[in-house]
C-alpha atoms as a PDB file:
ATOM      1  CA  MET A   1       0.000   0.000   0.000  1.00  0.00           C
ATOM      2  CA  LYS A   2       1.358   3.432  -0.929  1.00  0.00           C
ATOM      3  CA  THR A   3       0.612   4.731   2.534  1.00  0.00           C
ATOM      4  CA  THR A   4       3.056   2.430   4.241  1.00  0.00           C
ATOM      5  CA  SER A   5       5.854   2.133   1.686  1.00  0.00           C
ATOM      6  CA  THR A   6       9.036   3.842   2.816  1.00  0.00           C
ATOM      7  CA  GLU A   7      11.957   5.790   1.434  1.00  0.00           C
ATOM      8  CA  LEU A   8      15.175   6.767   3.183  1.00  0.00           C
ATOM      9  CA  LEU A   9      15.800  10.453   3.786  1.00  0.00           C
ATOM     10  CA  ASN A  10      19.545   9.858   3.968  1.00  0.00           C
ATOM     11  CA  THR A  11      21.454   6.764   2.897  1.00  0.00           C
ATOM     12  CA  ARG A  12      24.985   7.925   3.648  1.00  0.00           C
ATOM     13  CA  THR A  13      24.761   8.336   7.416  1.00  0.00           C
ATOM     14  CA  PRO A  14      24.994   5.757  10.224  1.00  0.00           C
ATOM     15  CA  ARG A  15      21.268   6.225  10.961  1.00  0.00           C
ATOM     16  CA  PRO A  16      19.228   6.498   7.756  1.00  0.00           C
ATOM     17  CA  VAL A  17      15.727   7.831   8.374  1.00  0.00           C
ATOM     18  CA  PRO A  18      12.879   5.748   6.870  1.00  0.00           C
ATOM     19  CA  LEU A  19       9.858   7.831   5.870  1.00  0.00           C
ATOM     20  CA  THR A  20       6.412   6.644   4.823  1.00  0.00           C
ATOM     21  CA  ARG A  21       5.503   8.035   1.412  1.00  0.00           C
ATOM     22  CA  ILE A  22       2.795  10.134   3.013  1.00  0.00           C
ATOM     23  CA  GLY A  23       3.466  11.831   6.328  1.00  0.00           C
ATOM     24  CA  PHE A  24       1.535  14.026   8.726  1.00  0.00           C
ATOM     25  CA  GLY A  25       2.098  17.785   8.662  1.00  0.00           C
ATOM     26  CA  GLY A  26       1.438  19.345  12.047  1.00  0.00           C
ATOM     27  CA  ALA A  27       0.759  23.002  11.198  1.00  0.00           C
ATOM     28  CA  PRO A  28      -3.060  22.688  11.178  1.00  0.00           C
ATOM     29  CA  LEU A  29      -2.967  21.260  14.705  1.00  0.00           C
ATOM     30  CA  GLY A  30      -1.450  24.540  15.854  1.00  0.00           C
ATOM     31  CA  ASN A  31      -4.818  26.115  14.969  1.00  0.00           C
ATOM     32  CA  LEU A  32      -3.713  27.437  11.604  1.00  0.00           C
ATOM     33  CA  TYR A  33      -6.358  29.963  10.496  1.00  0.00           C
ATOM     34  CA  ARG A  34      -9.031  28.403  12.729  1.00  0.00           C
ATOM     35  CA  LYS A  35      -9.367  26.577  16.022  1.00  0.00           C
ATOM     36  CA  VAL A  36      -9.138  22.793  16.005  1.00  0.00           C
ATOM     37  CA  SER A  37     -10.720  21.007  18.944  1.00  0.00           C
ATOM     38  CA  GLU A  38      -8.617  18.719  21.088  1.00  0.00           C
ATOM     39  CA  GLU A  39     -10.851  15.824  20.082  1.00  0.00           C
ATOM     40  CA  ASP A  40     -10.363  16.474  16.364  1.00  0.00           C
ATOM     41  CA  ALA A  41      -6.602  16.938  16.789  1.00  0.00           C
ATOM     42  CA  GLN A  42      -6.168  13.651  18.597  1.00  0.00           C
ATOM     43  CA  SER A  43      -8.482  11.779  16.234  1.00  0.00           C
ATOM     44  CA  ALA A  44      -6.452  13.080  13.268  1.00  0.00           C
ATOM     45  CA  LEU A  45      -3.180  11.898  14.776  1.00  0.00           C
ATOM     46  CA  GLN A  46      -4.676   8.545  15.735  1.00  0.00           C
ATOM     47  CA  ALA A  47      -6.192   8.028  12.287  1.00  0.00           C
ATOM     48  CA  ALA A  48      -2.814   8.716  10.694  1.00  0.00           C
ATOM     49  CA  TYR A  49      -1.044   6.237  12.935  1.00  0.00           C
ATOM     50  CA  ASP A  50      -3.742   3.591  12.497  1.00  0.00           C
ATOM     51  CA  ALA A  51      -3.476   3.973   8.708  1.00  0.00           C
ATOM     52  CA  GLY A  52       0.236   3.220   8.758  1.00  0.00           C
ATOM     53  CA  ILE A  53       1.609   6.762   8.549  1.00  0.00           C
ATOM     54  CA  ARG A  54       4.846   6.797  10.510  1.00  0.00           C
ATOM     55  CA  TYR A  55       6.374  10.206   9.779  1.00  0.00           C
ATOM     56  CA  PHE A  56       5.159  13.206  11.790  1.00  0.00           C
ATOM     57  CA  ASP A  57       6.394  16.789  11.402  1.00  0.00           C
ATOM     58  CA  THR A  58       5.793  19.765  13.665  1.00  0.00           C
ATOM     59  CA  ALA A  59       7.465  22.988  14.841  1.00  0.00           C
ATOM     60  CA  PRO A  60       7.461  25.401  17.794  1.00  0.00           C
ATOM     61  CA  GLN A  61       5.893  28.039  15.542  1.00  0.00           C
ATOM     62  CA  TYR A  62       2.757  25.979  14.947  1.00  0.00           C
ATOM     63  CA  GLY A  63       0.369  27.481  17.455  1.00  0.00           C
ATOM     64  CA  LEU A  64       3.264  28.702  19.638  1.00  0.00           C
ATOM     65  CA  GLY A  65       3.882  25.180  20.883  1.00  0.00           C
ATOM     66  CA  ARG A  66       0.320  23.890  20.696  1.00  0.00           C
ATOM     67  CA  SER A  67       1.025  21.489  17.821  1.00  0.00           C
ATOM     68  CA  GLU A  68       4.009  19.982  19.652  1.00  0.00           C
ATOM     69  CA  ILE A  69       1.971  19.584  22.827  1.00  0.00           C
ATOM     70  CA  ARG A  70      -0.773  17.811  20.887  1.00  0.00           C
ATOM     71  CA  PHE A  71       1.804  15.544  19.276  1.00  0.00           C
ATOM     72  CA  GLY A  72       3.109  14.752  22.746  1.00  0.00           C
ATOM     73  CA  GLU A  73      -0.319  13.675  23.916  1.00  0.00           C
ATOM     74  CA  ALA A  74      -0.614  11.323  20.938  1.00  0.00           C
ATOM     75  CA  PHE A  75       2.832   9.887  21.566  1.00  0.00           C
ATOM     76  CA  THR A  76       1.658   8.569  24.924  1.00  0.00           C
ATOM     77  CA  ARG A  77      -0.500   6.179  22.840  1.00  0.00           C
ATOM     78  CA  PHE A  78       1.964   5.443  20.032  1.00  0.00           C
ATOM     79  CA  ASP A  79       5.057   3.254  20.064  1.00  0.00           C
ATOM     80  CA  ARG A  80       7.733   5.943  19.737  1.00  0.00           C
ATOM     81  CA  ASP A  81      10.185   3.443  18.271  1.00  0.00           C
ATOM     82  CA  THR A  82       7.895   2.920  15.277  1.00  0.00           C
ATOM     83  CA  ILE A  83       7.669   6.562  14.157  1.00  0.00           C
ATOM     84  CA  GLN A  84       9.973   9.175  12.678  1.00  0.00           C
ATOM     85  CA  LEU A  85       9.599  12.658  14.119  1.00  0.00           C
ATOM     86  CA  SER A  86      10.829  16.044  12.991  1.00  0.00           C
ATOM     87  CA  THR A  87      10.615  19.480  14.513  1.00  0.00           C
ATOM     88  CA  LYS A  88      12.401  22.752  13.916  1.00  0.00           C
ATOM     89  CA  ILE A  89      14.721  25.337  15.416  1.00  0.00           C
ATOM     90  CA  GLY A  90      15.006  29.070  14.832  1.00  0.00           C
ATOM     91  CA  ARG A  91      12.103  30.377  16.869  1.00  0.00           C
ATOM     92  CA  LEU A  92      12.272  30.569  20.649  1.00  0.00           C
ATOM     93  CA  LEU A  93       8.954  30.891  22.479  1.00  0.00           C
ATOM     94  CA  LEU A  94       9.115  33.350  25.354  1.00  0.00           C
ATOM     95  CA  ASP A  95       6.506  34.338  27.937  1.00  0.00           C
ATOM     96  CA  CYS A  96       5.100  37.774  27.261  1.00  0.00           C
ATOM     97  CA  GLU A  97       2.330  40.284  27.855  1.00  0.00           C
ATOM     98  CA  PRO A  98      -0.953  39.736  25.987  1.00  0.00           C
ATOM     99  CA  HIS A  99      -0.269  42.525  23.489  1.00  0.00           C
ATOM    100  CA  GLU A 100       3.125  40.986  22.588  1.00  0.00           C
ATOM    101  CA  VAL A 101       1.811  37.565  21.496  1.00  0.00           C
ATOM    102  CA  THR A 102       3.191  36.570  18.065  1.00  0.00           C
ATOM    103  CA  ALA A 103       0.195  34.675  16.760  1.00  0.00           C
ATOM    104  CA  GLU A 104       0.978  35.090  13.046  1.00  0.00           C
ATOM    105  CA  ALA A 105      -1.591  32.927  11.152  1.00  0.00           C
ATOM    106  CA  PHE A 106      -2.521  30.863  14.218  1.00  0.00           C
ATOM    107  CA  VAL A 107      -5.506  31.396  16.519  1.00  0.00           C
ATOM    108  CA  ASP A 108      -6.206  30.574  20.166  1.00  0.00           C
ATOM    109  CA  VAL A 109      -2.513  30.374  21.017  1.00  0.00           C
ATOM    110  CA  PRO A 110      -0.646  30.398  24.336  1.00  0.00           C
ATOM    111  CA  GLN A 111       0.638  33.716  25.675  1.00  0.00           C
ATOM    112  CA  LYS A 112       4.047  33.570  23.985  1.00  0.00           C
ATOM    113  CA  ARG A 113       6.100  35.702  21.669  1.00  0.00           C
ATOM    114  CA  ILE A 114       8.555  34.506  19.033  1.00  0.00           C
ATOM    115  CA  VAL A 115      12.219  35.466  18.981  1.00  0.00           C
ATOM    116  CA  PHE A 116      14.250  34.324  15.978  1.00  0.00           C
ATOM    117  CA  ASP A 117      17.502  32.763  17.173  1.00  0.00           C
ATOM    118  CA  TYR A 118      19.843  30.648  15.029  1.00  0.00           C
ATOM    119  CA  THR A 119      22.807  30.752  17.412  1.00  0.00           C
ATOM    120  CA  TYR A 120      24.355  27.767  19.200  1.00  0.00           C
ATOM    121  CA  ASP A 121      22.474  28.574  22.385  1.00  0.00           C
ATOM    122  CA  GLY A 122      19.266  29.228  20.465  1.00  0.00           C
ATOM    123  CA  VAL A 123      19.396  25.849  18.731  1.00  0.00           C
ATOM    124  CA  MET A 124      20.056  23.983  21.960  1.00  0.00           C
ATOM    125  CA  ARG A 125      17.349  25.841  23.877  1.00  0.00           C
ATOM    126  CA  SER A 126      14.795  25.311  21.107  1.00  0.00           C
ATOM    127  CA  HIS A 127      15.627  21.617  20.851  1.00  0.00           C
ATOM    128  CA  GLU A 128      15.294  21.042  24.594  1.00  0.00           C
ATOM    129  CA  ALA A 129      12.030  22.992  24.782  1.00  0.00           C
ATOM    130  CA  SER A 130      10.555  20.941  21.940  1.00  0.00           C
ATOM    131  CA  LEU A 131      11.499  17.682  23.652  1.00  0.00           C
ATOM    132  CA  GLU A 132       9.836  18.905  26.835  1.00  0.00           C
ATOM    133  CA  ARG A 133       6.626  19.974  25.066  1.00  0.00           C
ATOM    134  CA  MET A 134       6.358  16.622  23.294  1.00  0.00           C
ATOM    135  CA  GLY A 135       7.474  14.533  26.237  1.00  0.00           C
ATOM    136  CA  VAL A 136      10.022  12.593  24.173  1.00  0.00           C
ATOM    137  CA  ASN A 137      13.722  11.882  24.589  1.00  0.00           C
ATOM    138  CA  ASN A 138      14.694  12.661  21.032  1.00  0.00           C
ATOM    139  CA  VAL A 139      13.570  13.678  17.569  1.00  0.00           C
ATOM    140  CA  ASP A 140      14.851  12.046  14.406  1.00  0.00           C
ATOM    141  CA  ILE A 141      15.166  15.120  12.176  1.00  0.00           C
ATOM    142  CA  LEU A 142      15.918  18.679  13.286  1.00  0.00           C
ATOM    143  CA  LEU A 143      15.237  21.378  10.710  1.00  0.00           C
ATOM    144  CA  VAL A 144      16.357  25.006  10.499  1.00  0.00           C
ATOM    145  CA  HIS A 145      13.080  26.879  10.173  1.00  0.00           C
ATOM    146  CA  ASP A 146      12.322  29.757   7.827  1.00  0.00           C
ATOM    147  CA  VAL A 147      15.639  31.361   6.899  1.00  0.00           C
ATOM    148  CA  CYS A 148      14.093  32.083   3.481  1.00  0.00           C
ATOM    149  CA  VAL A 149      13.192  35.451   1.964  1.00  0.00           C
ATOM    150  CA  PHE A 150       9.481  34.602   2.156  1.00  0.00           C
ATOM    151  CA  SER A 151       9.634  34.324   5.953  1.00  0.00           C
ATOM    152  CA  GLN A 152      12.301  36.920   6.737  1.00  0.00           C
ATOM    153  CA  GLY A 153      10.929  39.625   4.465  1.00  0.00           C
ATOM    154  CA  SER A 154      13.948  40.402   2.301  1.00  0.00           C
ATOM    155  CA  GLN A 155      17.034  38.843   0.762  1.00  0.00           C
ATOM    156  CA  GLU A 156      19.177  40.898   3.120  1.00  0.00           C
ATOM    157  CA  ALA A 157      17.342  39.570   6.178  1.00  0.00           C
ATOM    158  CA  SER A 158      17.505  36.000   4.876  1.00  0.00           C
ATOM    159  CA  ASP A 159      21.239  36.283   4.284  1.00  0.00           C
ATOM    160  CA  ALA A 160      21.707  37.657   7.803  1.00  0.00           C
ATOM    161  CA  LYS A 161      19.932  34.648   9.341  1.00  0.00           C
ATOM    162  CA  VAL A 162      22.019  32.233   7.290  1.00  0.00           C
ATOM    163  CA  ARG A 163      25.188  34.010   8.471  1.00  0.00           C
ATOM    164  CA  GLU A 164      23.940  33.821  12.058  1.00  0.00           C
ATOM    165  CA  LEU A 165      23.404  30.080  11.683  1.00  0.00           C
ATOM    166  CA  PHE A 166      26.989  29.502  10.570  1.00  0.00           C
ATOM    167  CA  ASP A 167      28.904  32.324  12.252  1.00  0.00           C
ATOM    168  CA  ARG A 168      27.281  32.081  15.684  1.00  0.00           C
ATOM    169  CA  GLY A 169      27.257  28.360  16.190  1.00  0.00           C
ATOM    170  CA  GLY A 170      23.776  27.204  15.168  1.00  0.00           C
ATOM    171  CA  TYR A 171      25.093  24.860  12.508  1.00  0.00           C
ATOM    172  CA  LYS A 172      27.742  23.603  14.944  1.00  0.00           C
ATOM    173  CA  ALA A 173      25.001  22.767  17.448  1.00  0.00           C
ATOM    174  CA  LEU A 174      23.102  20.784  14.829  1.00  0.00           C
ATOM    175  CA  THR A 175      26.156  18.786  13.779  1.00  0.00           C
ATOM    176  CA  GLU A 176      27.081  18.124  17.410  1.00  0.00           C
ATOM    177  CA  LEU A 177      23.607  16.745  18.094  1.00  0.00           C
ATOM    178  CA  ARG A 178      23.860  14.567  14.998  1.00  0.00           C
ATOM    179  CA  SER A 179      27.374  13.338  15.811  1.00  0.00           C
ATOM    180  CA  ALA A 180      26.298  12.470  19.345  1.00  0.00           C
ATOM    181  CA  GLY A 181      23.392  10.423  18.002  1.00  0.00           C
ATOM    182  CA  ASP A 182      20.771  12.652  19.630  1.00  0.00           C
ATOM    183  CA  ILE A 183      19.262  13.223  16.175  1.00  0.00           C
ATOM    184  CA  ALA A 184      19.676  11.229  12.982  1.00  0.00           C
ATOM    185  CA  ALA A 185      19.457  14.005  10.384  1.00  0.00           C
ATOM    186  CA  ILE A 186      19.621  17.767   9.953  1.00  0.00           C
ATOM    187  CA  GLY A 187      18.107  20.013   7.328  1.00  0.00           C
ATOM    188  CA  ALA A 188      15.951  23.084   6.828  1.00  0.00           C
ATOM    189  CA  GLY A 189      12.234  23.701   6.535  1.00  0.00           C
ATOM    190  CA  VAL A 190      11.594  26.639   4.194  1.00  0.00           C
ATOM    191  CA  ASN A 191       9.353  28.033   1.450  1.00  0.00           C
ATOM    192  CA  GLU A 192      12.083  28.560  -1.189  1.00  0.00           C
ATOM    193  CA  TRP A 193      14.511  26.210  -2.886  1.00  0.00           C
ATOM    194  CA  GLN A 194      17.109  28.934  -3.451  1.00  0.00           C
ATOM    195  CA  VAL A 195      18.071  29.135   0.224  1.00  0.00           C
ATOM    196  CA  CYS A 196      18.264  25.338   0.373  1.00  0.00           C
ATOM    197  CA  GLU A 197      20.770  25.444  -2.456  1.00  0.00           C
ATOM    198  CA  LYS A 198      22.733  28.083  -0.578  1.00  0.00           C
ATOM    199  CA  LEU A 199      22.744  25.974   2.586  1.00  0.00           C
ATOM    200  CA  LEU A 200      23.998  22.952   0.635  1.00  0.00           C
ATOM    201  CA  GLY A 201      26.952  25.038  -0.454  1.00  0.00           C
ATOM    202  CA  LEU A 202      27.789  25.883   3.149  1.00  0.00           C
ATOM    203  CA  GLY A 203      27.209  22.693   5.112  1.00  0.00           C
ATOM    204  CA  ASP A 204      26.459  18.987   5.214  1.00  0.00           C
ATOM    205  CA  PHE A 205      22.672  18.639   5.275  1.00  0.00           C
ATOM    206  CA  ASP A 206      20.737  15.387   5.005  1.00  0.00           C
ATOM    207  CA  GLY A 207      17.488  16.735   3.648  1.00  0.00           C
ATOM    208  CA  PHE A 208      15.097  19.647   3.315  1.00  0.00           C
ATOM    209  CA  LEU A 209      11.426  20.218   3.977  1.00  0.00           C
ATOM    210  CA  LEU A 210      10.490  22.266   0.929  1.00  0.00           C
ATOM    211  CA  ALA A 211       7.028  23.839   1.083  1.00  0.00           C
ATOM    212  CA  GLY A 212       5.229  24.726  -2.137  1.00  0.00           C
ATOM    213  CA  ARG A 213       8.191  25.032  -4.469  1.00  0.00           C
ATOM    214  CA  TYR A 214       7.993  21.743  -6.316  1.00  0.00           C
ATOM    215  CA  THR A 215       4.388  21.109  -7.278  1.00  0.00           C
ATOM    216  CA  LEU A 216       2.102  20.328 -10.171  1.00  0.00           C
ATOM    217  CA  LEU A 217       1.980  24.088 -10.695  1.00  0.00           C
ATOM    218  CA  GLU A 218       5.675  24.977 -10.543  1.00  0.00           C
ATOM    219  CA  GLN A 219       8.903  23.066 -11.025  1.00  0.00           C
ATOM    220  CA  ASP A 220      11.637  25.720 -11.183  1.00  0.00           C
ATOM    221  CA  ALA A 221      13.560  23.733  -8.554  1.00  0.00           C
ATOM    222  CA  LEU A 222      14.528  21.408 -11.414  1.00  0.00           C
ATOM    223  CA  GLU A 223      16.827  24.117 -12.778  1.00  0.00           C
ATOM    224  CA  SER A 224      19.653  23.454 -10.349  1.00  0.00           C
ATOM    225  CA  PHE A 225      18.514  22.558  -6.832  1.00  0.00           C
ATOM    226  CA  LEU A 226      16.953  19.129  -7.347  1.00  0.00           C
ATOM    227  CA  PRO A 227      19.812  17.948  -9.611  1.00  0.00           C
ATOM    228  CA  LEU A 228      22.201  19.016  -6.832  1.00  0.00           C
ATOM    229  CA  CYS A 229      20.151  17.019  -4.315  1.00  0.00           C
ATOM    230  CA  GLU A 230      20.421  13.942  -6.531  1.00  0.00           C
ATOM    231  CA  LYS A 231      24.179  14.411  -6.791  1.00  0.00           C
ATOM    232  CA  ARG A 232      24.587  14.894  -3.028  1.00  0.00           C
ATOM    233  CA  ASP A 233      22.079  12.174  -1.984  1.00  0.00           C
ATOM    234  CA  VAL A 234      19.888  14.705  -0.210  1.00  0.00           C
ATOM    235  CA  GLY A 235      16.237  13.855   0.379  1.00  0.00           C
ATOM    236  CA  ILE A 236      13.240  16.164   0.103  1.00  0.00           C
ATOM    237  CA  ILE A 237      10.232  16.214   2.409  1.00  0.00           C
ATOM    238  CA  LEU A 238       7.564  17.900   0.305  1.00  0.00           C
ATOM    239  CA  GLY A 239       5.230  20.255   2.113  1.00  0.00           C
ATOM    240  CA  GLY A 240       2.543  22.453   0.578  1.00  0.00           C
ATOM    241  CA  PRO A 241       1.759  20.192  -2.409  1.00  0.00           C
ATOM    242  CA  TYR A 242      -1.301  22.326  -3.179  1.00  0.00           C
ATOM    243  CA  ASN A 243       0.573  25.663  -3.299  1.00  0.00           C
ATOM    244  CA  SER A 244      -1.319  26.727  -0.139  1.00  0.00           C
ATOM    245  CA  GLY A 245      -4.699  25.847  -1.586  1.00  0.00           C
ATOM    246  CA  ILE A 246      -5.332  26.436  -5.259  1.00  0.00           C
ATOM    247  CA  LEU A 247      -4.401  22.923  -6.419  1.00  0.00           C
ATOM    248  CA  ALA A 248      -6.918  21.559  -3.916  1.00  0.00           C
ATOM    249  CA  THR A 249      -9.786  23.995  -4.438  1.00  0.00           C
ATOM    250  CA  GLY A 250      -9.273  24.683  -8.102  1.00  0.00           C
ATOM    251  CA  PRO A 251      -9.385  28.194  -9.623  1.00  0.00           C
ATOM    252  CA  ILE A 252     -12.409  29.358  -7.629  1.00  0.00           C
ATOM    253  CA  PRO A 253     -12.900  33.012  -6.592  1.00  0.00           C
ATOM    254  CA  GLY A 254     -10.562  33.732  -3.700  1.00  0.00           C
ATOM    255  CA  ALA A 255      -8.395  30.669  -4.363  1.00  0.00           C
ATOM    256  CA  LYS A 256      -5.130  30.915  -2.452  1.00  0.00           C
ATOM    257  CA  TYR A 257      -1.638  30.734  -3.915  1.00  0.00           C
ATOM    258  CA  ASN A 258       1.336  31.326  -1.634  1.00  0.00           C
ATOM    259  CA  TYR A 259      -1.039  32.302   1.190  1.00  0.00           C
ATOM    260  CA  ALA A 260      -2.636  35.118  -0.817  1.00  0.00           C
ATOM    261  CA  ASP A 261      -5.343  35.470  -3.457  1.00  0.00           C
ATOM    262  CA  ALA A 262      -4.097  33.855  -6.649  1.00  0.00           C
ATOM    263  CA  PRO A 263      -3.263  36.265  -9.508  1.00  0.00           C
ATOM    264  CA  GLU A 264      -5.004  35.802 -12.848  1.00  0.00           C
ATOM    265  CA  GLU A 265      -2.047  34.138 -14.579  1.00  0.00           C
ATOM    266  CA  ILE A 266      -1.969  31.454 -11.869  1.00  0.00           C
ATOM    267  CA  LEU A 267      -5.737  31.001 -12.047  1.00  0.00           C
ATOM    268  CA  GLU A 268      -5.537  30.520 -15.807  1.00  0.00           C
ATOM    269  CA  ARG A 269      -2.727  27.973 -15.583  1.00  0.00           C
ATOM    270  CA  VAL A 270      -4.645  26.023 -12.958  1.00  0.00           C
ATOM    271  CA  ARG A 271      -7.754  26.080 -15.162  1.00  0.00           C
ATOM    272  CA  ARG A 272      -5.734  24.395 -17.902  1.00  0.00           C
ATOM    273  CA  ILE A 273      -4.296  21.810 -15.499  1.00  0.00           C
ATOM    274  CA  GLU A 274      -7.738  21.095 -14.115  1.00  0.00           C
ATOM    275  CA  ALA A 275      -9.162  20.620 -17.614  1.00  0.00           C
ATOM    276  CA  VAL A 276      -6.595  17.919 -18.386  1.00  0.00           C
ATOM    277  CA  CYS A 277      -7.331  16.193 -15.087  1.00  0.00           C
ATOM    278  CA  GLN A 278     -11.071  16.295 -15.767  1.00  0.00           C
ATOM    279  CA  ALA A 279     -10.531  14.809 -19.225  1.00  0.00           C
ATOM    280  CA  HIS A 280      -8.957  11.806 -17.518  1.00  0.00           C
ATOM    281  CA  GLY A 281     -11.625  11.546 -14.816  1.00  0.00           C
ATOM    282  CA  THR A 282      -9.152  12.467 -12.100  1.00  0.00           C
ATOM    283  CA  PRO A 283      -9.511  15.102  -9.347  1.00  0.00           C
ATOM    284  CA  MET A 284      -6.741  17.666  -9.685  1.00  0.00           C
ATOM    285  CA  ILE A 285      -6.034  17.398  -5.958  1.00  0.00           C
ATOM    286  CA  ALA A 286      -5.108  13.714  -6.385  1.00  0.00           C
ATOM    287  CA  ALA A 287      -2.798  14.520  -9.274  1.00  0.00           C
ATOM    288  CA  ALA A 288      -1.179  17.293  -7.240  1.00  0.00           C
ATOM    289  CA  LEU A 289      -0.545  15.010  -4.279  1.00  0.00           C
ATOM    290  CA  GLN A 290       0.947  12.199  -6.334  1.00  0.00           C
ATOM    291  CA  PHE A 291       2.894  14.239  -8.878  1.00  0.00           C
ATOM    292  CA  VAL A 292       5.578  15.342  -6.437  1.00  0.00           C
ATOM    293  CA  LEU A 293       6.479  11.744  -5.575  1.00  0.00           C
ATOM    294  CA  GLY A 294       7.584  11.152  -9.147  1.00  0.00           C
ATOM    295  CA  HIS A 295      10.896  12.843  -8.376  1.00  0.00           C
ATOM    296  CA  PRO A 296      13.447  10.455  -6.860  1.00  0.00           C
ATOM    297  CA  CYS A 297      14.592  13.019  -4.301  1.00  0.00           C
ATOM    298  CA  VAL A 298      11.093  13.488  -2.874  1.00  0.00           C
ATOM    299  CA  LYS A 299      10.861  10.883  -0.131  1.00  0.00           C
ATOM    300  CA  THR A 300       7.529  11.859   1.419  1.00  0.00           C
ATOM    301  CA  VAL A 301       4.705  14.356   1.046  1.00  0.00           C
ATOM    302  CA  ILE A 302       3.064  15.823   4.146  1.00  0.00           C
ATOM    303  CA  PRO A 303      -0.398  17.296   3.561  1.00  0.00           C
ATOM    304  CA  GLY A 304      -2.036  18.708   6.666  1.00  0.00           C
ATOM    305  CA  ALA A 305      -5.213  17.494   8.324  1.00  0.00           C
ATOM    306  CA  MET A 306      -7.481  18.907  11.018  1.00  0.00           C
ATOM    307  CA  ASN A 307      -9.482  15.769  11.751  1.00  0.00           C
ATOM    308  CA  ALA A 308      -9.697  12.052  11.032  1.00  0.00           C
ATOM    309  CA  ALA A 309     -11.853  12.529   7.939  1.00  0.00           C
ATOM    310  CA  GLN A 310      -9.211  14.739   6.332  1.00  0.00           C
ATOM    311  CA  VAL A 311      -6.528  12.165   7.090  1.00  0.00           C
ATOM    312  CA  GLN A 312      -8.571   9.487   5.353  1.00  0.00           C
ATOM    313  CA  ALA A 313      -9.245  11.812   2.436  1.00  0.00           C
ATOM    314  CA  ASN A 314      -5.490  12.347   1.985  1.00  0.00           C
ATOM    315  CA  ILE A 315      -4.889   8.603   2.054  1.00  0.00           C
ATOM    316  CA  ASP A 316      -7.633   7.984  -0.490  1.00  0.00           C
ATOM    317  CA  LEU A 317      -6.105  10.603  -2.793  1.00  0.00           C
ATOM    318  CA  MET A 318      -2.695   9.005  -2.460  1.00  0.00           C
ATOM    319  CA  GLU A 319      -4.042   5.584  -3.378  1.00  0.00           C
ATOM    320  CA  ARG A 320      -6.197   6.683  -6.284  1.00  0.00           C
ATOM    321  CA  ASP A 321      -5.122   5.236  -9.629  1.00  0.00           C
ATOM    322  CA  ILE A 322      -4.119   7.975 -12.058  1.00  0.00           C
ATOM    323  CA  PRO A 323      -3.916   7.232 -15.796  1.00  0.00           C
ATOM    324  CA  ALA A 324      -0.422   7.545 -17.243  1.00  0.00           C
ATOM    325  CA  GLY A 325      -1.960   9.527 -20.083  1.00  0.00           C
ATOM    326  CA  LEU A 326      -2.821  12.355 -17.702  1.00  0.00           C
ATOM    327  CA  TRP A 327       0.844  12.994 -16.999  1.00  0.00           C
ATOM    328  CA  SER A 328       1.856  12.753 -20.648  1.00  0.00           C
ATOM    329  CA  ASP A 329      -0.934  15.141 -21.649  1.00  0.00           C
ATOM    330  CA  LEU A 330       0.150  17.682 -19.033  1.00  0.00           C
ATOM    331  CA  ARG A 331       3.677  17.414 -20.375  1.00  0.00           C
ATOM    332  CA  SER A 332       2.667  17.683 -24.046  1.00  0.00           C
ATOM    333  CA  GLU A 333       0.576  20.785 -23.327  1.00  0.00           C
ATOM    334  CA  GLY A 334       3.513  22.463 -21.593  1.00  0.00           C
ATOM    335  CA  LEU A 335       1.822  22.425 -18.195  1.00  0.00           C
ATOM    336  CA  ILE A 336       4.630  20.514 -16.532  1.00  0.00           C
ATOM    337  CA  ARG A 337       8.278  20.735 -17.484  1.00  0.00           C
ATOM    338  CA  PRO A 338       9.635  18.187 -19.959  1.00  0.00           C
ATOM    339  CA  ASP A 339      12.378  17.229 -17.481  1.00  0.00           C
ATOM    340  CA  ALA A 340       9.951  16.657 -14.577  1.00  0.00           C
ATOM    341  CA  PRO A 341      10.007  12.959 -13.585  1.00  0.00           C
ATOM    342  CA  LEU A 342       6.514  11.502 -13.750  1.00  0.00           C
ATOM    343  CA  PRO A 343       4.922   9.097 -11.265  1.00  0.00           C
ATOM    344  CA  SER A 344       4.089   6.710 -14.114  1.00  0.00           C
ATOM    345  CA  GLU A 345       7.786   6.560 -15.042  1.00  0.00           C
ATOM    346  CA  THR A 346       8.707   5.838 -11.436  1.00  0.00           C
ATOM    347  CA  THR A 347       6.134   3.034 -11.300  1.00  0.00           C
ATOM    348  CA  ASP A 348       7.298   1.575 -14.600  1.00  0.00           C
ATOM    349  CA  ALA A 349      10.905   1.618 -13.427  1.00  0.00           C
ATOM    350  CA  ALA A 350       9.949  -0.195 -10.226  1.00  0.00           C
END
């Protein structure tokens, strides 16, 4: 079953990390955009585990610790040795006054404010706080969170955070934790492939969580980044397979692309993609979820879910049969790049 098949994030280290082809993205359980009840959060996590999903990703940012705390509650029911877990560093959560709360896109959050910190001390403090919130002794993958332009606001600010990571000991902390066996892999979780490529030129990273930048809608990462990952044996955890919404909803009024209303040129391209999918009797959302796994570097895709029904819906989409002709038609109409590996080619090769 596609749900339970595994790929290795890194094959060149003493502790390769096996990942189920579909994972569980924890941002929605931080109350992203709307409140998720405790019952729905726990039922979503349980449904994922019961279905054979064994990779779970979260971060301190997600609900200012709420997602990690909810993961921790679920882990009291799960066999920790059977799952792979990732969280992130870069944001410290500090107590604050009500008017200082850094809620960002999350609602009903604890009274905390975010301080970006990519120093040695910041990495270690963030790591220890995450372990405490989740009630676990270790995580498998530790990711540098949001050093990209999208999150930092400018190229200058992004470059400054990357320098802080390397010049002030953050990268050293990550490699020390990996060398000591406290974690199995290090990487970054970002919204842009360009900063991943920069990080690969500066350090030894095992993988990256890339959100929204290799999808059915856009494949510019094939220019240089993904070929470099193949050469360096670096795995990709693919987040945001729907480009923050539009590949799931279709080109409806108010459809979201990169967390904002989609511009007309994006709407038109999605209309054309959707038309091809409809011609083959396939929901575009299923094609979007499966397309990314055609690339050999993409080891898992992690759509979010707010309840058990959404988990099951993701699994059903992953297991839906998609005609090979759909992919070839998208390619022939110039809607996906000619050098984009297709899921049908991956299946044929297997």
